[in-house]
Amino acid sequence: MQVQEGNQPYDEINVTPMLDLAYVLLVIFIIMTTASVQGVKVDLPKTAASASLAKSGTKAVTVAQNGDVFLDAYPVTMEQLDLRIAQYQAANPALSIVIKGDARVQYAKVMEVMELLKRNGITDLGLATSRATR
């Protein structure tokens, strides 16, 4: 009785498909992580003395051109923003906030965000701008 070649048990496991899957998952993870860190794209107002002075642990509140509000690139309503800022303030009393308002956004919307931050006791506040070209 002869044993056929195709019916023999494998002596070793082929890990190539498993490595292919691991590399694909790694690439997807890297792309998704960098996409979520970049934030919301807004056209910042131009100033002559623009500098990056943000401290580590600073939260960013972005007001887009259409009036949408984002907290660290995640869309929020004003009620959600109020709740989350209160939570962050309770965890870190020295919380810093940077407001990134689009250059064409309604001034009233930025003031509404600033009033909300004032109600929550935020005193370390900054407005993001970009350097004007000469």
C-alpha atoms as a PDB file:
ATOM      1  CA  MET A   1       0.000   0.000   0.000  1.00  0.00           C
ATOM      2  CA  GLN A   2       1.429   3.299  -1.088  1.00  0.00           C
ATOM      3  CA  VAL A   3       0.825   6.621   0.674  1.00  0.00           C
ATOM      4  CA  GLN A   4      -0.052   9.454  -1.695  1.00  0.00           C
ATOM      5  CA  GLU A   5       1.941  12.702  -1.561  1.00  0.00           C
ATOM      6  CA  GLY A   6      -1.133  14.926  -1.047  1.00  0.00           C
ATOM      7  CA  ASN A   7      -2.405  13.098   2.053  1.00  0.00           C
ATOM      8  CA  GLN A   8       0.741  13.337   4.166  1.00  0.00           C
ATOM      9  CA  PRO A   9       0.543  15.441   7.316  1.00  0.00           C
ATOM     10  CA  TYR A  10       2.494  18.700   7.339  1.00  0.00           C
ATOM     11  CA  ASP A  11       5.729  18.808   9.313  1.00  0.00           C
ATOM     12  CA  GLU A  12       5.740  22.619   9.571  1.00  0.00           C
ATOM     13  CA  ILE A  13       3.243  25.471   9.461  1.00  0.00           C
ATOM     14  CA  ASN A  14       3.383  27.997   6.613  1.00  0.00           C
ATOM     15  CA  VAL A  15       3.416  31.405   8.368  1.00  0.00           C
ATOM     16  CA  THR A  16       3.570  33.538   5.219  1.00  0.00           C
ATOM     17  CA  PRO A  17      -0.206  34.210   5.034  1.00  0.00           C
ATOM     18  CA  MET A  18      -0.238  35.051   8.736  1.00  0.00           C
ATOM     19  CA  LEU A  19       2.642  37.538   8.284  1.00  0.00           C
ATOM     20  CA  ASP A  20       0.874  39.109   5.295  1.00  0.00           C
ATOM     21  CA  LEU A  21      -2.204  39.661   7.436  1.00  0.00           C
ATOM     22  CA  ALA A  22      -0.121  41.115  10.284  1.00  0.00           C
ATOM     23  CA  TYR A  23       1.566  43.598   7.923  1.00  0.00           C
ATOM     24  CA  VAL A  24      -1.760  44.691   6.437  1.00  0.00           C
ATOM     25  CA  LEU A  25      -3.205  45.239   9.926  1.00  0.00           C
ATOM     26  CA  LEU A  26      -0.108  47.201  10.929  1.00  0.00           C
ATOM     27  CA  VAL A  27      -0.404  49.488   7.908  1.00  0.00           C
ATOM     28  CA  ILE A  28      -4.120  50.053   8.555  1.00  0.00           C
ATOM     29  CA  PHE A  29      -3.388  50.871  12.203  1.00  0.00           C
ATOM     30  CA  ILE A  30      -0.678  53.387  11.247  1.00  0.00           C
ATOM     31  CA  ILE A  31      -2.908  55.106   8.690  1.00  0.00           C
ATOM     32  CA  MET A  32      -5.880  55.333  11.059  1.00  0.00           C
ATOM     33  CA  THR A  33      -3.755  56.646  13.922  1.00  0.00           C
ATOM     34  CA  THR A  34      -2.165  59.417  11.884  1.00  0.00           C
ATOM     35  CA  ALA A  35      -5.520  60.367  10.370  1.00  0.00           C
ATOM     36  CA  SER A  36      -7.104  60.858  13.792  1.00  0.00           C
ATOM     37  CA  VAL A  37      -4.181  62.882  15.164  1.00  0.00           C
ATOM     38  CA  GLN A  38      -4.098  65.474  12.388  1.00  0.00           C
ATOM     39  CA  GLY A  39      -7.282  67.182  13.503  1.00  0.00           C
ATOM     40  CA  VAL A  40      -9.763  69.275  11.591  1.00  0.00           C
ATOM     41  CA  LYS A  41      -8.538  71.374   8.673  1.00  0.00           C
ATOM     42  CA  VAL A  42      -9.410  75.042   9.099  1.00  0.00           C
ATOM     43  CA  ASP A  43      -8.122  78.198   7.440  1.00  0.00           C
ATOM     44  CA  LEU A  44      -6.595  80.051  10.393  1.00  0.00           C
ATOM     45  CA  PRO A  45      -6.461  83.848  10.459  1.00  0.00           C
ATOM     46  CA  LYS A  46      -3.095  85.346   9.531  1.00  0.00           C
ATOM     47  CA  THR A  47      -1.027  87.357  12.036  1.00  0.00           C
ATOM     48  CA  ALA A  48       2.474  88.808  11.962  1.00  0.00           C
ATOM     49  CA  ALA A  49       3.596  87.256  15.270  1.00  0.00           C
ATOM     50  CA  SER A  50       2.284  83.719  15.129  1.00  0.00           C
ATOM     51  CA  ALA A  51       4.128  81.146  17.208  1.00  0.00           C
ATOM     52  CA  SER A  52       3.407  77.653  18.453  1.00  0.00           C
ATOM     53  CA  LEU A  53       3.236  78.042  22.222  1.00  0.00           C
ATOM     54  CA  ALA A  54       0.954  75.110  23.014  1.00  0.00           C
ATOM     55  CA  LYS A  55       1.899  73.095  26.083  1.00  0.00           C
ATOM     56  CA  SER A  56       1.614  69.331  26.238  1.00  0.00           C
ATOM     57  CA  GLY A  57      -1.820  68.196  27.358  1.00  0.00           C
ATOM     58  CA  THR A  58      -3.480  71.145  25.651  1.00  0.00           C
ATOM     59  CA  LYS A  59      -6.947  70.488  24.268  1.00  0.00           C
ATOM     60  CA  ALA A  60      -7.988  72.002  20.945  1.00  0.00           C
ATOM     61  CA  VAL A  61     -11.475  73.332  20.266  1.00  0.00           C
ATOM     62  CA  THR A  62     -11.997  73.898  16.548  1.00  0.00           C
ATOM     63  CA  VAL A  63     -14.795  75.967  15.021  1.00  0.00           C
ATOM     64  CA  ALA A  64     -15.148  75.088  11.330  1.00  0.00           C
ATOM     65  CA  GLN A  65     -16.316  77.474   8.626  1.00  0.00           C
ATOM     66  CA  ASN A  66     -19.869  76.102   8.717  1.00  0.00           C
ATOM     67  CA  GLY A  67     -20.061  76.547  12.512  1.00  0.00           C
ATOM     68  CA  ASP A  68     -19.427  72.917  13.497  1.00  0.00           C
ATOM     69  CA  VAL A  69     -17.479  72.525  16.754  1.00  0.00           C
ATOM     70  CA  PHE A  70     -14.799  69.866  17.287  1.00  0.00           C
ATOM     71  CA  LEU A  71     -12.950  68.853  20.445  1.00  0.00           C
ATOM     72  CA  ASP A  72      -9.582  67.331  19.473  1.00  0.00           C
ATOM     73  CA  ALA A  73     -10.897  66.475  15.970  1.00  0.00           C
ATOM     74  CA  TYR A  74     -14.104  64.856  17.262  1.00  0.00           C
ATOM     75  CA  PRO A  75     -17.391  66.620  16.438  1.00  0.00           C
ATOM     76  CA  VAL A  76     -19.340  67.743  19.511  1.00  0.00           C
ATOM     77  CA  THR A  77     -22.428  69.766  20.270  1.00  0.00           C
ATOM     78  CA  MET A  78     -22.165  72.713  22.644  1.00  0.00           C
ATOM     79  CA  GLU A  79     -23.734  70.592  25.412  1.00  0.00           C
ATOM     80  CA  GLN A  80     -21.222  67.786  24.859  1.00  0.00           C
ATOM     81  CA  LEU A  81     -18.390  70.313  24.780  1.00  0.00           C
ATOM     82  CA  ASP A  82     -19.568  71.773  28.088  1.00  0.00           C
ATOM     83  CA  LEU A  83     -19.685  68.301  29.689  1.00  0.00           C
ATOM     84  CA  ARG A  84     -16.277  67.188  28.378  1.00  0.00           C
ATOM     85  CA  ILE A  85     -14.538  70.441  29.299  1.00  0.00           C
ATOM     86  CA  ALA A  86     -15.956  70.117  32.823  1.00  0.00           C
ATOM     87  CA  GLN A  87     -14.592  66.552  33.012  1.00  0.00           C
ATOM     88  CA  TYR A  88     -11.157  67.587  31.733  1.00  0.00           C
ATOM     89  CA  GLN A  89     -11.104  70.566  34.115  1.00  0.00           C
ATOM     90  CA  ALA A  90     -11.939  68.292  37.078  1.00  0.00           C
ATOM     91  CA  ALA A  91      -9.091  65.943  36.139  1.00  0.00           C
ATOM     92  CA  ASN A  92      -6.597  68.742  35.416  1.00  0.00           C
ATOM     93  CA  PRO A  93      -7.260  72.149  37.052  1.00  0.00           C
ATOM     94  CA  ALA A  94      -4.430  73.710  34.978  1.00  0.00           C
ATOM     95  CA  LEU A  95      -6.084  72.695  31.694  1.00  0.00           C
ATOM     96  CA  SER A  96      -5.014  74.673  28.619  1.00  0.00           C
ATOM     97  CA  ILE A  97      -7.346  75.184  25.667  1.00  0.00           C
ATOM     98  CA  VAL A  98      -6.520  76.434  22.175  1.00  0.00           C
ATOM     99  CA  ILE A  99      -9.376  77.690  20.006  1.00  0.00           C
ATOM    100  CA  LYS A 100      -8.825  77.145  16.296  1.00  0.00           C
ATOM    101  CA  GLY A 101     -11.445  79.211  14.512  1.00  0.00           C
ATOM    102  CA  ASP A 102     -11.674  79.296  10.733  1.00  0.00           C
ATOM    103  CA  ALA A 103     -10.952  82.769   9.316  1.00  0.00           C
ATOM    104  CA  ARG A 104     -14.421  82.873   7.729  1.00  0.00           C
ATOM    105  CA  VAL A 105     -16.418  81.551  10.723  1.00  0.00           C
ATOM    106  CA  GLN A 106     -19.038  83.729  12.387  1.00  0.00           C
ATOM    107  CA  TYR A 107     -17.508  85.662  15.276  1.00  0.00           C
ATOM    108  CA  ALA A 108     -20.530  84.858  17.457  1.00  0.00           C
ATOM    109  CA  LYS A 109     -19.786  81.118  17.321  1.00  0.00           C
ATOM    110  CA  VAL A 110     -16.214  81.631  18.568  1.00  0.00           C
ATOM    111  CA  MET A 111     -17.523  83.909  21.344  1.00  0.00           C
ATOM    112  CA  GLU A 112     -20.067  81.243  22.317  1.00  0.00           C
ATOM    113  CA  VAL A 113     -17.210  78.742  22.727  1.00  0.00           C
ATOM    114  CA  MET A 114     -15.165  81.270  24.721  1.00  0.00           C
ATOM    115  CA  GLU A 115     -18.113  81.960  27.059  1.00  0.00           C
ATOM    116  CA  LEU A 116     -18.572  78.217  27.599  1.00  0.00           C
ATOM    117  CA  LEU A 117     -14.889  77.897  28.533  1.00  0.00           C
ATOM    118  CA  LYS A 118     -15.170  80.874  30.900  1.00  0.00           C
ATOM    119  CA  ARG A 119     -18.184  79.289  32.641  1.00  0.00           C
ATOM    120  CA  ASN A 120     -16.057  76.167  33.210  1.00  0.00           C
ATOM    121  CA  GLY A 121     -13.249  78.176  34.797  1.00  0.00           C
ATOM    122  CA  ILE A 122     -10.734  77.854  31.957  1.00  0.00           C
ATOM    123  CA  THR A 123      -8.209  80.660  32.371  1.00  0.00           C
ATOM    124  CA  ASP A 124      -5.362  79.313  30.210  1.00  0.00           C
ATOM    125  CA  LEU A 125      -6.778  80.002  26.758  1.00  0.00           C
ATOM    126  CA  GLY A 126      -5.194  80.667  23.383  1.00  0.00           C
ATOM    127  CA  LEU A 127      -6.338  81.500  19.867  1.00  0.00           C
ATOM    128  CA  ALA A 128      -4.553  79.688  17.041  1.00  0.00           C
ATOM    129  CA  THR A 129      -3.363  81.706  14.045  1.00  0.00           C
ATOM    130  CA  SER A 130      -0.966  81.146  11.187  1.00  0.00           C
ATOM    131  CA  ARG A 131       1.963  83.351  10.241  1.00  0.00           C
ATOM    132  CA  ALA A 132       1.162  85.988   7.636  1.00  0.00           C
ATOM    133  CA  THR A 133       3.377  86.072   4.572  1.00  0.00           C
ATOM    134  CA  ARG A 134       5.037  89.389   3.834  1.00  0.00           C
END
